[in-house]
Amino acid sequence: MKKQLLLFTSLLMTLWSCQQDQVAPKEEVQLRELSIEEKELLYASNKFAMDLTRELVQDEPQNLFFSPYYIHMDLSMAINGAESNTLTQMQKVHQCDVLERLEINKLYNSLNTLLESIDTHVQFVSAHSLWHREEINIRPLFSDIIMAYYGAGVEALDFDNHKASLTINKWVEEHTSGKVKAKIPALVPYESLYMISATHLKGYWTFPFAKENTAPGTFYLNDKEEVTVPMMFTDQATYRYHQDANKTLLDIPYGNKQYSMTIVMPHHGDSIAMQLENLRVEALEQALERADTLEHHLYLPKFNISSQLNLKRPLANLGIKDAFSAQADFSGILDESSDRIKVADMIHQASIEVNESGIQSVIPRVAATSIAAATPVIRIDRPFIFFVREQHTGLILYAGVIQNPAVAQE
């Protein structure tokens, strides 16, 4: 029997929402109608986002940030090389088994092109690569597929060289404008493949916060505990707002309003986990449809998160089991002369920073406070869930949870 090698998949990502300049007025957006197949893939990706968020919250008692869209897309890449029961399990968790693999590849290619061009005020960059041990023989068909549809490079690397991991780390930093500081350790010679995804999304608030209006504010961790955190304030924002018996929802726009940060804040007594149990794709869409457009004053905590998540347990809980075991069948990746492989770990590293605009407001803090006292005010001052979404497709690109913004501060 051939020796079984390890497939180590590392997903390195960042969303950098450091607002520096007020964006230009909203430009005319060139949108196209989505196909039925694209809508199917988008719905599957969003369902996966909700399922994975529920799983990850069990492991992360504090703050959380990740990109379900790119994890979903990397599963799509791996599915191209999976066979037998390994393929069946991955397709079930992927939630898009009604589409053929080649069709999914084409859909991701077209959707990525759309997402990257839909808003010139949101800088959207993504890159993918596969690094393999020099002795490994990758099937040309697999390489051609991921290069053609995902733009992924396939590179051989000397895993015995102690500087090999530095090559990958440098690649990650270069493709995320230095925003992701990769943490790939020294490569283990008997491992076979590293699949690396890097993304950088820099979004500018449509209605920026002024730095001089940021002041210490109270954030309620629960009914008994509270912390003091830097709380941003704006009296000039327009955003969508909805409230029901269980939650408050805000949809705060970026750039030309094609992208937004959707915040879901449970009411007192409801935990994040409890809210997520009832939060499905349909429920989120319905809340957004019912949302009103407001110009109330808004308080939002500054926060930044750097997460490194091991996805093996949550994905196994969702149903991907064989891929992490000796029963794994990834015969579509390697030719017959190479040994069998399995997934040892899936590591996802992600970062986000949310702060004010660099624009200096002419309204002093005292005046701003005075106005706020006579105007309806929305305060995001309790633990909340957030999603970075694109409006036309409804796609959830990023997801996160803020339990304590004080922990997230650098």
Protein backbone atom coordinates (compact mmCIF):
# COMPACT_ATOMS: atom_id res chain seq x y z
CA MET A 1 0.00 0.00 0.00
CA LYS A 2 1.31 3.44 -0.85
CA LYS A 3 2.27 5.72 1.97
CA GLN A 4 -0.44 8.25 2.75
CA LEU A 5 0.68 11.87 2.62
CA LEU A 6 -0.89 14.98 4.06
CA LEU A 7 -2.68 17.77 2.27
CA PHE A 8 -2.42 20.97 4.32
CA THR A 9 -4.78 23.68 3.17
CA SER A 10 -4.12 27.19 4.42
CA LEU A 11 -6.57 29.98 3.66
CA LEU A 12 -5.08 33.39 4.39
CA MET A 13 -7.37 36.37 4.07
CA THR A 14 -7.99 39.94 5.11
CA LEU A 15 -10.63 42.59 4.94
CA TRP A 16 -9.04 45.98 5.63
CA SER A 17 -11.74 48.56 6.24
CA CYS A 18 -9.57 51.50 7.18
CA GLN A 19 -11.43 54.52 5.87
CA GLN A 20 -9.09 57.30 4.79
CA ASP A 21 -10.89 59.45 2.22
CA GLN A 22 -14.50 60.26 1.57
CA VAL A 23 -15.63 58.52 -1.59
CA ALA A 24 -16.85 60.28 -4.71
CA PRO A 25 -20.59 60.65 -5.33
CA LYS A 26 -22.32 57.47 -6.33
CA GLU A 27 -21.43 56.52 -9.88
CA GLU A 28 -23.66 54.74 -12.36
CA VAL A 29 -23.27 51.02 -11.73
CA GLN A 30 -23.24 48.65 -14.68
CA LEU A 31 -25.08 45.55 -13.49
CA ARG A 32 -26.12 42.48 -15.41
CA GLU A 33 -28.88 39.99 -14.78
CA LEU A 34 -27.79 36.94 -12.84
CA SER A 35 -28.36 33.52 -14.33
CA ILE A 36 -30.40 30.85 -12.56
CA GLU A 37 -27.18 28.88 -12.02
CA GLU A 38 -25.41 31.89 -10.50
CA LYS A 39 -28.31 32.43 -8.12
CA GLU A 40 -28.10 28.76 -7.13
CA LEU A 41 -24.39 29.06 -6.35
CA LEU A 42 -24.86 32.33 -4.44
CA TYR A 43 -27.62 30.82 -2.33
CA ALA A 44 -25.45 27.78 -1.60
CA SER A 45 -22.55 30.02 -0.58
CA ASN A 46 -24.76 32.05 1.78
CA LYS A 47 -26.25 28.92 3.36
CA PHE A 48 -22.72 27.64 3.89
CA ALA A 49 -21.80 30.99 5.45
CA MET A 50 -24.57 30.70 8.04
CA ASP A 51 -23.79 27.05 8.82
CA LEU A 52 -20.08 27.71 9.26
CA THR A 53 -20.68 30.80 11.41
CA ARG A 54 -22.81 28.72 13.81
CA GLU A 55 -20.06 26.10 14.04
CA LEU A 56 -17.22 28.57 14.54
CA VAL A 57 -19.01 30.51 17.28
CA GLN A 58 -18.87 27.34 19.40
CA ASP A 59 -15.06 27.43 19.19
CA GLU A 60 -14.54 31.18 19.46
CA PRO A 61 -15.96 32.65 22.70
CA GLN A 62 -14.67 36.12 21.86
CA ASN A 63 -14.34 37.83 18.48
CA LEU A 64 -14.46 36.08 15.14
CA PHE A 65 -13.80 37.02 11.52
CA PHE A 66 -13.54 34.93 8.35
CA SER A 67 -14.54 34.76 4.68
CA PRO A 68 -17.14 32.05 4.03
CA TYR A 69 -17.17 32.94 0.34
CA TYR A 70 -13.50 32.15 -0.12
CA ILE A 71 -13.67 29.03 2.02
CA HIS A 72 -16.61 27.93 -0.13
CA MET A 73 -14.63 28.72 -3.27
CA ASP A 74 -11.60 26.79 -2.07
CA LEU A 75 -13.83 23.82 -1.35
CA SER A 76 -14.94 24.14 -4.97
CA MET A 77 -11.32 23.95 -6.09
CA ALA A 78 -10.71 20.87 -3.94
CA ILE A 79 -13.92 19.24 -5.18
CA ASN A 80 -12.35 19.16 -8.64
CA GLY A 81 -9.89 16.60 -7.30
CA ALA A 82 -12.21 14.62 -5.01
CA GLU A 83 -13.84 11.32 -5.90
CA SER A 84 -16.18 8.66 -4.43
CA ASN A 85 -17.57 9.28 -0.92
CA THR A 86 -15.11 12.14 -0.32
CA LEU A 87 -16.71 13.99 -3.22
CA THR A 88 -20.25 13.22 -2.03
CA GLN A 89 -19.58 14.58 1.46
CA MET A 90 -17.87 17.73 0.20
CA GLN A 91 -20.67 18.43 -2.27
CA LYS A 92 -23.29 18.06 0.47
CA VAL A 93 -21.54 20.58 2.74
CA HIS A 94 -20.85 22.78 -0.28
CA GLN A 95 -24.66 22.75 -0.74
CA CYS A 96 -24.46 22.98 -4.51
CA ASP A 97 -24.54 19.37 -5.67
CA VAL A 98 -27.24 20.20 -8.24
CA LEU A 99 -24.53 21.83 -10.38
CA GLU A 100 -21.75 19.98 -12.17
CA ARG A 101 -18.16 20.68 -11.11
CA LEU A 102 -17.21 22.30 -14.41
CA GLU A 103 -20.30 24.50 -14.25
CA ILE A 104 -19.40 25.66 -10.72
CA ASN A 105 -15.89 26.56 -11.92
CA LYS A 106 -17.31 28.70 -14.72
CA LEU A 107 -19.79 30.37 -12.37
CA TYR A 108 -17.12 31.33 -9.85
CA ASN A 109 -15.03 32.77 -12.65
CA SER A 110 -17.86 34.99 -13.86
CA LEU A 111 -18.96 36.01 -10.36
CA ASN A 112 -15.44 37.01 -9.33
CA THR A 113 -15.16 39.23 -12.40
CA LEU A 114 -18.46 40.88 -11.50
CA LEU A 115 -17.57 41.40 -7.84
CA GLU A 116 -14.22 42.98 -8.61
CA SER A 117 -15.68 45.52 -11.05
CA ILE A 118 -18.99 46.42 -9.47
CA ASP A 119 -17.69 49.29 -7.30
CA THR A 120 -14.57 51.29 -8.16
CA HIS A 121 -14.54 52.73 -4.63
CA VAL A 122 -14.05 49.29 -3.08
CA GLN A 123 -10.65 47.77 -3.78
CA PHE A 124 -11.18 44.07 -4.18
CA VAL A 125 -8.24 41.74 -4.78
CA SER A 126 -8.06 37.96 -4.56
CA ALA A 127 -5.40 35.44 -5.50
CA HIS A 128 -4.99 31.68 -5.22
CA SER A 129 -2.05 29.31 -5.50
CA LEU A 130 -1.13 25.67 -5.06
CA TRP A 131 2.38 24.74 -3.89
CA HIS A 132 3.46 21.13 -4.15
CA ARG A 133 6.47 19.09 -3.13
CA GLU A 134 8.84 18.69 -6.06
CA GLU A 135 8.39 14.90 -6.13
CA ILE A 136 4.61 15.20 -6.45
CA ASN A 137 3.04 14.81 -9.88
CA ILE A 138 -0.08 16.95 -10.26
CA ARG A 139 -2.61 15.89 -12.88
CA PRO A 140 -2.40 18.42 -15.74
CA LEU A 141 -6.20 18.53 -15.96
CA PHE A 142 -6.51 19.59 -12.30
CA SER A 143 -3.83 22.27 -12.75
CA ASP A 144 -5.46 23.56 -15.92
CA ILE A 145 -8.87 23.81 -14.25
CA ILE A 146 -7.80 25.79 -11.21
CA MET A 147 -5.56 28.03 -13.31
CA ALA A 148 -8.23 28.72 -15.94
CA TYR A 149 -11.21 29.31 -13.65
CA TYR A 150 -9.70 30.50 -10.37
CA GLY A 151 -6.49 32.11 -11.61
CA ALA A 152 -4.54 29.85 -9.27
CA GLY A 153 -0.88 29.33 -9.90
CA VAL A 154 0.64 25.87 -9.48
CA GLU A 155 4.25 25.87 -8.26
CA ALA A 156 6.72 23.16 -7.24
CA LEU A 157 8.68 23.91 -4.08
CA ASP A 158 11.55 22.26 -2.23
CA PHE A 159 9.86 21.46 1.08
CA ASP A 160 13.24 20.44 2.55
CA ASN A 161 14.50 24.00 2.21
CA HIS A 162 13.95 25.83 5.49
CA LYS A 163 13.20 29.02 3.50
CA ALA A 164 10.37 27.42 1.52
CA SER A 165 7.68 28.74 3.88
CA LEU A 166 9.13 32.24 3.49
CA THR A 167 8.42 32.01 -0.24
CA ILE A 168 4.76 31.33 0.48
CA ASN A 169 4.56 34.00 3.19
CA LYS A 170 6.02 36.56 0.78
CA TRP A 171 3.50 35.58 -1.88
CA VAL A 172 0.64 36.12 0.56
CA GLU A 173 1.87 39.56 1.60
CA GLU A 174 2.47 40.67 -1.99
CA HIS A 175 -1.03 39.66 -3.06
CA THR A 176 -2.73 41.43 -0.14
CA SER A 177 -0.75 44.68 -0.32
CA GLY A 178 1.02 43.70 2.89
CA LYS A 179 -2.23 43.59 4.88
CA VAL A 180 -1.91 39.87 5.71
CA LYS A 181 1.22 38.87 7.58
CA ALA A 182 1.31 35.18 6.77
CA LYS A 183 2.27 32.69 9.46
CA ILE A 184 3.12 29.57 7.47
CA PRO A 185 5.60 27.57 9.60
CA ALA A 186 8.51 25.61 8.21
CA LEU A 187 7.20 23.09 5.71
CA VAL A 188 7.24 19.43 6.69
CA PRO A 189 8.94 17.32 3.97
CA TYR A 190 6.39 14.49 4.07
CA GLU A 191 3.48 16.85 3.49
CA SER A 192 2.51 17.18 -0.13
CA LEU A 193 0.40 20.23 -0.99
CA TYR A 194 -0.32 23.71 0.29
CA MET A 195 -3.36 25.50 -1.16
CA ILE A 196 -3.13 29.20 -0.40
CA SER A 197 -5.84 31.80 -0.93
CA ALA A 198 -5.31 35.47 -0.20
CA THR A 199 -7.81 38.29 -0.48
CA HIS A 200 -7.75 41.98 0.26
CA LEU A 201 -10.87 44.15 0.34
CA LYS A 202 -10.49 47.80 1.25
CA GLY A 203 -13.82 49.52 1.67
CA TYR A 204 -14.45 53.22 2.34
CA TRP A 205 -17.60 54.17 4.21
CA THR A 206 -20.09 55.99 2.01
CA PHE A 207 -20.74 58.27 4.97
CA PRO A 208 -17.47 58.46 6.94
CA PHE A 209 -17.04 58.88 10.67
CA ALA A 210 -15.00 61.87 11.84
CA LYS A 211 -12.02 60.99 14.03
CA GLU A 212 -12.53 63.92 16.39
CA ASN A 213 -16.03 62.65 17.21
CA THR A 214 -14.73 59.31 18.50
CA ALA A 215 -14.89 59.18 22.28
CA PRO A 216 -14.89 56.58 25.07
CA GLY A 217 -18.24 54.84 25.29
CA THR A 218 -19.89 51.94 27.09
CA PHE A 219 -20.21 48.51 25.48
CA TYR A 220 -22.39 46.04 27.39
CA LEU A 221 -20.87 42.55 27.31
CA ASN A 222 -23.98 41.15 29.00
CA ASP A 223 -26.56 42.26 31.56
CA LYS A 224 -23.94 42.46 34.32
CA GLU A 225 -20.64 43.38 32.64
CA GLU A 226 -19.55 46.34 30.56
CA VAL A 227 -16.34 47.79 29.13
CA THR A 228 -15.26 51.20 27.89
CA VAL A 229 -14.22 51.29 24.21
CA PRO A 230 -13.56 53.94 21.54
CA MET A 231 -17.00 54.63 20.09
CA MET A 232 -17.25 56.26 16.66
CA PHE A 233 -20.05 58.73 15.96
CA THR A 234 -21.64 60.21 12.85
CA ASP A 235 -24.60 62.52 12.44
CA GLN A 236 -24.50 62.41 8.63
CA ALA A 237 -24.98 58.72 7.82
CA THR A 238 -27.83 57.20 5.85
CA TYR A 239 -28.34 53.50 6.45
CA ARG A 240 -31.02 50.81 6.48
CA TYR A 241 -32.55 49.88 9.83
CA HIS A 242 -34.90 47.16 11.04
CA GLN A 243 -35.92 46.04 14.50
CA ASP A 244 -38.05 43.11 15.59
CA ALA A 245 -38.67 41.23 18.82
CA ASN A 246 -35.27 39.56 18.77
CA LYS A 247 -32.77 41.84 17.09
CA THR A 248 -31.71 45.17 15.65
CA LEU A 249 -30.38 45.17 12.09
CA LEU A 250 -28.31 47.89 10.43
CA ASP A 251 -27.02 47.91 6.86
CA ILE A 252 -24.21 50.48 6.53
CA PRO A 253 -23.00 51.17 2.98
CA TYR A 254 -19.50 51.25 1.54
CA GLY A 255 -18.36 53.10 -1.59
CA ASN A 256 -21.17 53.57 -4.11
CA LYS A 257 -23.46 51.47 -1.86
CA GLN A 258 -23.01 48.19 -3.72
CA TYR A 259 -21.18 46.78 -0.70
CA SER A 260 -22.31 47.14 2.88
CA MET A 261 -21.70 45.95 6.41
CA THR A 262 -24.85 44.32 7.78
CA ILE A 263 -24.93 44.30 11.59
CA VAL A 264 -27.27 42.03 13.55
CA MET A 265 -27.40 42.93 17.25
CA PRO A 266 -29.48 40.58 19.48
CA HIS A 267 -31.64 42.20 22.09
CA HIS A 268 -30.87 41.95 25.80
CA GLY A 269 -30.94 38.36 27.04
CA ASP A 270 -30.26 36.82 23.64
CA SER A 271 -26.78 35.46 23.08
CA ILE A 272 -24.99 35.44 19.74
CA ALA A 273 -25.36 31.65 19.59
CA MET A 274 -29.11 31.90 20.24
CA GLN A 275 -29.51 34.49 17.50
CA LEU A 276 -27.53 32.41 15.01
CA GLU A 277 -29.72 29.37 15.67
CA ASN A 278 -32.66 31.24 14.15
CA LEU A 279 -30.75 33.30 11.60
CA ARG A 280 -31.07 31.71 8.18
CA VAL A 281 -30.45 33.16 4.74
CA GLU A 282 -34.18 33.72 4.22
CA ALA A 283 -34.58 35.43 7.62
CA LEU A 284 -31.71 37.83 6.87
CA GLU A 285 -33.13 38.65 3.44
CA GLN A 286 -36.60 39.25 4.87
CA ALA A 287 -35.23 41.59 7.54
CA LEU A 288 -33.34 43.57 4.90
CA GLU A 289 -36.46 43.82 2.74
CA ARG A 290 -38.39 45.24 5.71
CA ALA A 291 -35.66 47.69 6.66
CA ASP A 292 -36.33 51.42 6.53
CA THR A 293 -33.83 54.00 5.33
CA LEU A 294 -32.84 56.27 8.24
CA GLU A 295 -30.65 59.29 8.83
CA HIS A 296 -30.43 58.89 12.59
CA HIS A 297 -27.21 59.48 14.45
CA LEU A 298 -25.08 56.38 14.78
CA TYR A 299 -22.60 55.12 17.38
CA LEU A 300 -20.40 52.19 16.34
CA PRO A 301 -17.40 50.79 18.23
CA LYS A 302 -13.99 50.74 16.60
CA PHE A 303 -12.59 47.25 16.41
CA ASN A 304 -10.01 45.09 14.77
CA ILE A 305 -9.69 41.31 14.72
CA SER A 306 -6.97 38.95 13.70
CA SER A 307 -8.26 35.36 13.64
CA GLN A 308 -6.47 32.13 12.89
CA LEU A 309 -9.06 29.37 12.67
CA ASN A 310 -8.66 25.63 12.29
CA LEU A 311 -11.54 24.57 10.06
CA LYS A 312 -11.07 20.82 10.44
CA ARG A 313 -13.52 20.33 13.34
CA PRO A 314 -16.33 22.62 12.08
CA LEU A 315 -16.16 21.22 8.54
CA ALA A 316 -16.11 17.66 9.90
CA ASN A 317 -19.15 18.50 12.04
CA LEU A 318 -20.91 19.82 8.94
CA GLY A 319 -20.25 16.51 7.18
CA ILE A 320 -16.79 16.54 5.56
CA LYS A 321 -15.31 13.53 7.36
CA ASP A 322 -13.56 11.25 4.86
CA ALA A 323 -11.40 14.09 3.53
CA PHE A 324 -9.61 14.22 6.91
CA SER A 325 -9.16 10.46 7.23
CA ALA A 326 -7.40 7.52 5.62
CA GLN A 327 -10.54 7.04 3.51
CA ALA A 328 -9.88 10.31 1.64
CA ASP A 329 -9.99 10.03 -2.14
CA PHE A 330 -8.32 12.94 -3.92
CA SER A 331 -7.22 10.86 -6.87
CA GLY A 332 -8.29 13.66 -9.20
CA ILE A 333 -5.41 15.85 -7.98
CA LEU A 334 -2.45 13.47 -8.23
CA ASP A 335 -1.54 11.07 -11.00
CA GLU A 336 -1.21 7.34 -10.40
CA SER A 337 2.52 7.54 -9.68
CA SER A 338 1.92 9.67 -6.57
CA ASP A 339 0.82 8.52 -3.14
CA ARG A 340 -2.67 9.02 -1.73
CA ILE A 341 -3.35 12.18 0.23
CA LYS A 342 -5.76 13.39 2.87
CA VAL A 343 -6.50 16.76 4.42
CA ALA A 344 -4.54 17.09 7.66
CA ASP A 345 -5.77 20.57 8.61
CA MET A 346 -7.47 23.56 7.09
CA ILE A 347 -6.18 26.80 8.57
CA HIS A 348 -7.93 30.09 7.90
CA GLN A 349 -6.27 33.37 8.89
CA ALA A 350 -8.25 36.57 8.56
CA SER A 351 -8.01 40.17 9.73
CA ILE A 352 -10.33 43.14 9.80
CA GLU A 353 -9.99 46.72 11.01
CA VAL A 354 -12.99 49.01 11.22
CA ASN A 355 -12.40 52.66 12.05
CA GLU A 356 -13.33 56.20 11.02
CA SER A 357 -12.78 58.14 7.84
CA GLY A 358 -9.71 60.35 7.59
CA ILE A 359 -11.97 63.30 6.71
CA GLN A 360 -11.84 65.97 9.41
CA SER A 361 -15.33 67.10 10.36
CA VAL A 362 -15.98 70.77 10.97
CA ILE A 363 -18.39 69.88 13.78
CA PRO A 364 -16.62 69.90 17.16
CA ARG A 365 -17.38 67.11 19.60
CA VAL A 366 -19.42 69.32 21.93
CA ALA A 367 -21.70 70.39 19.10
CA ALA A 368 -22.10 66.84 17.87
CA THR A 369 -23.09 65.65 21.33
CA SER A 370 -25.58 68.47 21.67
CA ILE A 371 -27.28 67.61 18.38
CA ALA A 372 -27.36 63.91 19.21
CA ALA A 373 -29.32 64.59 22.39
CA ALA A 374 -32.26 65.95 20.38
CA THR A 375 -32.13 63.45 17.51
CA PRO A 376 -32.94 59.72 17.36
CA VAL A 377 -29.77 57.74 18.01
CA ILE A 378 -28.81 54.17 17.16
CA ARG A 379 -26.11 52.64 19.35
CA ILE A 380 -24.31 49.41 18.54
CA ASP A 381 -23.28 48.82 22.13
CA ARG A 382 -23.85 45.08 22.70
CA PRO A 383 -22.36 41.91 21.13
CA PHE A 384 -23.26 41.65 17.45
CA ILE A 385 -22.89 39.61 14.29
CA PHE A 386 -21.81 41.30 11.08
CA PHE A 387 -21.64 40.42 7.40
CA VAL A 388 -19.95 42.20 4.52
CA ARG A 389 -22.37 41.82 1.62
CA GLU A 390 -22.75 42.80 -2.01
CA GLN A 391 -26.20 44.20 -2.76
CA HIS A 392 -26.87 43.06 -6.33
CA THR A 393 -25.92 39.43 -5.74
CA GLY A 394 -26.84 39.35 -2.04
CA LEU A 395 -23.55 37.52 -1.47
CA ILE A 396 -22.02 37.28 2.01
CA LEU A 397 -18.30 37.73 1.40
CA TYR A 398 -17.20 38.05 5.02
CA ALA A 399 -18.73 37.23 8.38
CA GLY A 400 -17.78 38.01 11.94
CA VAL A 401 -18.83 38.31 15.56
CA ILE A 402 -17.88 41.01 18.04
CA GLN A 403 -18.32 39.87 21.62
CA ASN A 404 -15.92 42.41 23.13
CA PRO A 405 -14.43 45.21 20.99
CA ALA A 406 -11.95 46.01 23.77
CA VAL A 407 -10.27 42.65 23.18
CA ALA A 408 -10.04 43.43 19.47
CA GLN A 409 -8.18 46.69 19.98
CA GLU A 410 -4.46 46.73 19.15
